[in-house]
Amino acid sequence: MDVRHADRKLERLETEASFTGGFGPDVARAYRRRMQYIRSALDERDFYQMKSLHYEKLKGRRSHQRSMRLNDQLRLVIELEKQAGVRRVVIASIEDYH
């Protein structure tokens, strides 16, 4: 899938091996693994098939967002957008939204 980062820090976290963005090394490693999976996915249905992601649509004022698990505490929050027939994943944030 095509990917766009909403935050430059998250883009650096994916591409620079030594950059942790204020997260622990385990979170940075999990984020990079998720990004590899997102980039290799054909569409959103692939996220639902991998049960360990705990991919889910958020509710309420965040109903336009979805999340997937990075570890027991943190989630990767994403948004899906479609422009000119191309579906794109927007990486919004890493957070503990509970």
N, C-alpha and C. Protein backbone atom coordinates (compact mmCIF):
# COMPACT_ATOMS: atom_id res chain seq x y z
N MET A 1 0.84 -1.18 0.00
CA MET A 1 0.00 0.00 0.00
C MET A 1 0.88 1.24 0.00
N ASP A 2 0.33 2.30 -0.52
CA ASP A 2 1.01 3.58 -0.51
C ASP A 2 0.91 4.17 0.90
N VAL A 3 1.97 4.80 1.37
CA VAL A 3 2.02 5.30 2.75
C VAL A 3 2.45 6.77 2.74
N ARG A 4 1.80 7.53 3.63
CA ARG A 4 2.19 8.91 3.88
C ARG A 4 2.25 9.10 5.39
N HIS A 5 3.24 9.82 5.88
CA HIS A 5 3.38 10.09 7.31
C HIS A 5 2.83 11.48 7.61
N ALA A 6 2.01 11.57 8.65
CA ALA A 6 1.47 12.86 9.07
C ALA A 6 2.48 13.64 9.90
N ASP A 7 3.51 12.95 10.38
CA ASP A 7 4.51 13.56 11.25
C ASP A 7 5.90 13.16 10.77
N ARG A 8 6.77 14.14 10.62
CA ARG A 8 8.15 13.88 10.16
C ARG A 8 8.89 12.95 11.12
N LYS A 9 8.58 13.03 12.40
CA LYS A 9 9.23 12.18 13.40
C LYS A 9 8.94 10.70 13.12
N LEU A 10 7.72 10.38 12.71
CA LEU A 10 7.36 9.00 12.41
C LEU A 10 8.04 8.52 11.13
N GLU A 11 8.22 9.42 10.19
CA GLU A 11 8.93 9.07 8.96
C GLU A 11 10.39 8.75 9.28
N ARG A 12 11.01 9.57 10.12
CA ARG A 12 12.40 9.32 10.53
C ARG A 12 12.51 8.02 11.32
N LEU A 13 11.51 7.73 12.15
CA LEU A 13 11.52 6.51 12.95
C LEU A 13 11.55 5.28 12.04
N GLU A 14 10.87 5.36 10.92
CA GLU A 14 10.86 4.24 9.98
C GLU A 14 12.17 4.10 9.22
N THR A 15 12.77 5.21 8.82
CA THR A 15 13.90 5.15 7.90
C THR A 15 15.28 5.23 8.54
N GLU A 16 15.40 5.82 9.72
CA GLU A 16 16.71 5.97 10.36
C GLU A 16 16.86 4.96 11.50
N ALA A 17 17.78 4.04 11.32
CA ALA A 17 17.94 2.95 12.28
C ALA A 17 18.32 3.42 13.68
N SER A 18 19.05 4.51 13.80
CA SER A 18 19.50 4.97 15.12
C SER A 18 18.49 5.90 15.79
N PHE A 19 17.48 6.35 15.08
CA PHE A 19 16.49 7.29 15.63
C PHE A 19 15.38 6.51 16.33
N THR A 20 15.09 6.86 17.59
CA THR A 20 14.02 6.18 18.33
C THR A 20 12.82 7.09 18.57
N GLY A 21 12.94 8.37 18.30
CA GLY A 21 11.81 9.30 18.43
C GLY A 21 11.28 9.44 19.84
N GLY A 22 12.10 9.13 20.84
CA GLY A 22 11.65 9.24 22.22
C GLY A 22 10.99 7.97 22.73
N PHE A 23 10.87 6.97 21.88
CA PHE A 23 10.31 5.69 22.29
C PHE A 23 11.45 4.74 22.61
N GLY A 24 11.14 3.67 23.28
CA GLY A 24 12.16 2.67 23.56
C GLY A 24 12.54 1.92 22.30
N PRO A 25 13.68 1.23 22.33
CA PRO A 25 14.11 0.48 21.15
C PRO A 25 13.15 -0.63 20.74
N ASP A 26 12.44 -1.22 21.71
CA ASP A 26 11.47 -2.25 21.37
C ASP A 26 10.28 -1.68 20.61
N VAL A 27 9.85 -0.48 20.96
CA VAL A 27 8.74 0.17 20.25
C VAL A 27 9.18 0.57 18.84
N ALA A 28 10.39 1.08 18.71
CA ALA A 28 10.92 1.45 17.39
C ALA A 28 11.00 0.23 16.49
N ARG A 29 11.45 -0.88 17.03
CA ARG A 29 11.55 -2.12 16.26
C ARG A 29 10.17 -2.61 15.84
N ALA A 30 9.20 -2.58 16.76
CA ALA A 30 7.83 -3.00 16.45
C ALA A 30 7.22 -2.09 15.39
N TYR A 31 7.48 -0.80 15.48
CA TYR A 31 6.97 0.16 14.49
C TYR A 31 7.53 -0.16 13.10
N ARG A 32 8.81 -0.43 13.02
CA ARG A 32 9.42 -0.74 11.72
C ARG A 32 8.86 -2.04 11.14
N ARG A 33 8.58 -3.03 11.99
CA ARG A 33 7.96 -4.27 11.51
C ARG A 33 6.56 -4.01 10.98
N ARG A 34 5.79 -3.19 11.70
CA ARG A 34 4.43 -2.85 11.24
C ARG A 34 4.47 -2.11 9.91
N MET A 35 5.43 -1.21 9.78
CA MET A 35 5.53 -0.45 8.54
C MET A 35 5.87 -1.36 7.36
N GLN A 36 6.71 -2.36 7.57
CA GLN A 36 7.00 -3.32 6.51
C GLN A 36 5.74 -4.07 6.11
N TYR A 37 4.95 -4.45 7.11
CA TYR A 37 3.72 -5.17 6.82
C TYR A 37 2.72 -4.27 6.09
N ILE A 38 2.59 -3.03 6.52
CA ILE A 38 1.66 -2.10 5.88
C ILE A 38 2.07 -1.87 4.42
N ARG A 39 3.33 -1.66 4.18
CA ARG A 39 3.81 -1.41 2.81
C ARG A 39 3.62 -2.62 1.90
N SER A 40 3.69 -3.83 2.46
CA SER A 40 3.53 -5.03 1.64
C SER A 40 2.07 -5.44 1.44
N ALA A 41 1.16 -4.87 2.21
CA ALA A 41 -0.26 -5.24 2.12
C ALA A 41 -0.86 -4.76 0.80
N LEU A 42 -1.76 -5.55 0.25
CA LEU A 42 -2.46 -5.16 -0.97
C LEU A 42 -3.57 -4.16 -0.67
N ASP A 43 -4.29 -4.40 0.42
CA ASP A 43 -5.34 -3.48 0.85
C ASP A 43 -5.65 -3.72 2.33
N GLU A 44 -6.65 -3.01 2.82
CA GLU A 44 -7.00 -3.04 4.24
C GLU A 44 -7.39 -4.43 4.73
N ARG A 45 -7.92 -5.25 3.86
CA ARG A 45 -8.33 -6.60 4.27
C ARG A 45 -7.17 -7.43 4.80
N ASP A 46 -5.97 -7.17 4.33
CA ASP A 46 -4.80 -7.88 4.84
C ASP A 46 -4.57 -7.59 6.32
N PHE A 47 -4.91 -6.40 6.77
CA PHE A 47 -4.74 -6.04 8.18
C PHE A 47 -5.69 -6.85 9.06
N TYR A 48 -6.91 -7.05 8.60
CA TYR A 48 -7.89 -7.82 9.38
C TYR A 48 -7.49 -9.29 9.45
N GLN A 49 -6.83 -9.81 8.43
CA GLN A 49 -6.47 -11.23 8.40
C GLN A 49 -5.40 -11.57 9.42
N MET A 50 -4.51 -10.65 9.71
CA MET A 50 -3.45 -10.90 10.69
C MET A 50 -3.97 -10.54 12.08
N LYS A 51 -4.47 -11.50 12.78
CA LYS A 51 -5.15 -11.28 14.07
C LYS A 51 -4.25 -10.64 15.12
N SER A 52 -2.95 -10.89 15.07
CA SER A 52 -2.05 -10.35 16.08
C SER A 52 -1.92 -8.83 16.00
N LEU A 53 -2.33 -8.22 14.90
CA LEU A 53 -2.31 -6.76 14.79
C LEU A 53 -3.37 -6.10 15.66
N HIS A 54 -4.45 -6.82 15.94
CA HIS A 54 -5.60 -6.25 16.65
C HIS A 54 -6.07 -4.99 15.91
N TYR A 55 -6.19 -5.10 14.60
CA TYR A 55 -6.60 -3.98 13.76
C TYR A 55 -8.06 -3.69 14.00
N GLU A 56 -8.37 -2.42 14.31
CA GLU A 56 -9.77 -2.07 14.60
C GLU A 56 -10.05 -0.62 14.24
N LYS A 57 -11.30 -0.38 13.92
CA LYS A 57 -11.76 0.98 13.65
C LYS A 57 -12.07 1.64 14.99
N LEU A 58 -11.65 2.88 15.14
CA LEU A 58 -11.90 3.60 16.39
C LEU A 58 -13.30 4.18 16.38
N LYS A 59 -13.77 4.60 17.53
CA LYS A 59 -15.15 5.09 17.69
C LYS A 59 -15.18 6.55 18.10
N GLY A 60 -16.38 7.12 18.06
CA GLY A 60 -16.58 8.49 18.51
C GLY A 60 -15.94 9.51 17.60
N ARG A 61 -15.27 10.48 18.19
CA ARG A 61 -14.65 11.55 17.40
C ARG A 61 -13.46 11.06 16.59
N ARG A 62 -13.05 9.82 16.83
CA ARG A 62 -11.94 9.22 16.09
C ARG A 62 -12.42 8.16 15.10
N SER A 63 -13.68 8.23 14.71
CA SER A 63 -14.25 7.19 13.85
C SER A 63 -13.61 7.15 12.46
N HIS A 64 -12.88 8.17 12.08
CA HIS A 64 -12.18 8.18 10.80
C HIS A 64 -10.80 7.51 10.89
N GLN A 65 -10.43 7.07 12.09
CA GLN A 65 -9.11 6.47 12.30
C GLN A 65 -9.23 4.99 12.63
N ARG A 66 -8.13 4.30 12.45
CA ARG A 66 -8.02 2.90 12.81
C ARG A 66 -6.73 2.72 13.60
N SER A 67 -6.62 1.60 14.29
CA SER A 67 -5.40 1.37 15.06
C SER A 67 -4.97 -0.08 14.96
N MET A 68 -3.69 -0.28 15.20
CA MET A 68 -3.13 -1.63 15.30
C MET A 68 -2.09 -1.64 16.41
N ARG A 69 -1.95 -2.76 17.03
CA ARG A 69 -1.11 -2.88 18.21
C ARG A 69 0.38 -2.88 17.86
N LEU A 70 1.16 -2.12 18.63
CA LEU A 70 2.62 -2.19 18.55
C LEU A 70 3.16 -3.07 19.67
N ASN A 71 2.62 -2.86 20.88
CA ASN A 71 2.96 -3.71 22.03
C ASN A 71 1.74 -3.73 22.95
N ASP A 72 1.89 -4.18 24.17
CA ASP A 72 0.74 -4.26 25.08
C ASP A 72 0.13 -2.91 25.41
N GLN A 73 0.92 -1.85 25.33
CA GLN A 73 0.45 -0.54 25.74
C GLN A 73 0.18 0.41 24.57
N LEU A 74 1.04 0.40 23.57
CA LEU A 74 0.97 1.42 22.51
C LEU A 74 0.34 0.90 21.23
N ARG A 75 -0.36 1.80 20.56
CA ARG A 75 -1.03 1.49 19.30
C ARG A 75 -0.54 2.44 18.22
N LEU A 76 -0.51 1.95 17.00
CA LEU A 76 -0.21 2.76 15.83
C LEU A 76 -1.54 3.22 15.28
N VAL A 77 -1.78 4.52 15.24
CA VAL A 77 -3.04 5.08 14.76
C VAL A 77 -2.83 5.50 13.30
N ILE A 78 -3.73 5.01 12.44
CA ILE A 78 -3.64 5.31 11.02
C ILE A 78 -4.98 5.83 10.50
N GLU A 79 -4.92 6.44 9.34
CA GLU A 79 -6.12 6.87 8.63
C GLU A 79 -6.01 6.35 7.20
N LEU A 80 -7.13 6.06 6.59
CA LEU A 80 -7.15 5.61 5.21
C LEU A 80 -7.69 6.74 4.36
N GLU A 81 -7.03 7.00 3.25
CA GLU A 81 -7.53 8.02 2.34
C GLU A 81 -7.48 7.48 0.92
N LYS A 82 -8.35 8.01 0.10
CA LYS A 82 -8.42 7.58 -1.29
C LYS A 82 -8.39 8.82 -2.16
N GLN A 83 -7.39 8.89 -3.03
CA GLN A 83 -7.26 10.02 -3.95
C GLN A 83 -7.00 9.48 -5.34
N ALA A 84 -7.82 9.90 -6.28
CA ALA A 84 -7.68 9.48 -7.68
C ALA A 84 -7.63 7.96 -7.81
N GLY A 85 -8.44 7.27 -7.02
CA GLY A 85 -8.51 5.81 -7.08
C GLY A 85 -7.39 5.08 -6.38
N VAL A 86 -6.46 5.80 -5.77
CA VAL A 86 -5.34 5.19 -5.05
C VAL A 86 -5.62 5.25 -3.55
N ARG A 87 -5.59 4.07 -2.93
CA ARG A 87 -5.78 4.03 -1.47
C ARG A 87 -4.44 4.23 -0.80
N ARG A 88 -4.44 5.07 0.23
CA ARG A 88 -3.20 5.40 0.92
C ARG A 88 -3.43 5.28 2.42
N VAL A 89 -2.42 4.80 3.11
CA VAL A 89 -2.42 4.75 4.57
C VAL A 89 -1.66 5.96 5.08
N VAL A 90 -2.31 6.73 5.94
CA VAL A 90 -1.66 7.89 6.56
C VAL A 90 -1.30 7.48 7.98
N ILE A 91 -0.01 7.51 8.29
CA ILE A 91 0.46 7.16 9.63
C ILE A 91 0.28 8.40 10.50
N ALA A 92 -0.69 8.35 11.42
CA ALA A 92 -1.05 9.52 12.21
C ALA A 92 -0.23 9.68 13.48
N SER A 93 -0.13 8.59 14.28
CA SER A 93 0.57 8.73 15.56
C SER A 93 0.82 7.38 16.20
N ILE A 94 1.64 7.39 17.22
CA ILE A 94 1.83 6.26 18.13
C ILE A 94 1.37 6.76 19.48
N GLU A 95 0.41 6.05 20.08
CA GLU A 95 -0.10 6.56 21.35
C GLU A 95 -0.77 5.48 22.18
N ASP A 96 -0.93 5.80 23.43
CA ASP A 96 -1.71 5.00 24.36
C ASP A 96 -3.02 5.75 24.52
N TYR A 97 -4.01 5.41 23.70
CA TYR A 97 -5.24 6.19 23.70
C TYR A 97 -6.28 5.67 24.67
N HIS A 98 -5.95 4.66 25.44
CA HIS A 98 -6.93 4.12 26.41
C HIS A 98 -7.05 4.99 27.62
